[in-house]
Amino acid sequence: MLVKKILSSILNIQYIILFTIFLISSRNQRKYILVLIFVVYFFSTPIGSNIAILPLEKDYLHHYFLYYSIVNNPENVISMYRETDKIVILGGGTKENKELGEESLSRTIVAALVYINLKRYYNKTPEIIILGGNLKNQNNPTSVNMKSLIRSIDHNAKIILETESQDTYQNIKKLKEFLKLTDNAIIITSAFHMKRTEKILIHAFGKEFVQNSLTFIPVNFRYEYITTLTPYLFLPDMENIETTNIAFYEILGSLYYTLFYEYKKLIRK
């Protein structure tokens, strides 16, 4: 089984391309290609991808088992959210066949679990605000497909749709039209995406409101708890490369918004 896993890990397109480049390169160039191969290898292992994603998710790891807890012990968990007026879900993409992407699906399922348990245990039916269009196909907005899933669980849920925003900044800008400073709201998005979302929310609504009136529920953690060293931790995998790419994108996104807000401050002066 281990041998099969090793072969399947190595025989993928990224390593085939890198080894081909290595073989056709000159002797002087090969040392640089070897460094590149090692970097790609390292960040395609569970250890490497954990190092990449940890800065984004570490502040939310206390929610790591939240999904499991809501499913298996809903009465105790849902009491934390009994004051909720609104549930806000950020869209995470949809496919051309209207099937929700992995991130959108995770966010929608957790939002639905929170909603139905608030209704069951506290007779509360908070408004659900779903944010997000579709950059690739405006006729197939993510929020509409997320709404369809929630409607299949509770046909009477009050859902507010926003279908125009194309990124996190636009999501939060549109949210200002639906969220009042007197509301207590839950913000649901992917764990790796929460840090950037929180930063934009602070600039949009103010730090005091974010700290006192918003509760963050991160979903679909990419970080993996490692308790035992096994050979599999050193095997590359495409899923780990994807996690590393997400971390890189999010870090760049956070840096962009840091510079963006600093620039706006300078303009006001």
Foldseek 3Di string as FASTA:
>chain_A
DVVVLQVVLCPDDVNVVLVVCLVPDDPVCNVVSVVVVVLLLQLLFLVNLLVLQCVQQVVPCVLVCVVVCLVVPVVVSLVVVLQAQEEEEEADDADPVLHGDPFRVFQLVVSLSSQVSSCVNVVDQHEYEYDWAHPVDRVRGRSVSSVVVSCVVPVPRHYHYHHPDHDLLSRLVVVVVPDDLVGQYEYEGASSQVVLNLVSNCVRPNPVSCVPRYHYNHTDDPRDDDDDDDPRSSRGDVSSVVSSVSSVVSVVVSVVVVVVVVVVVVVVD
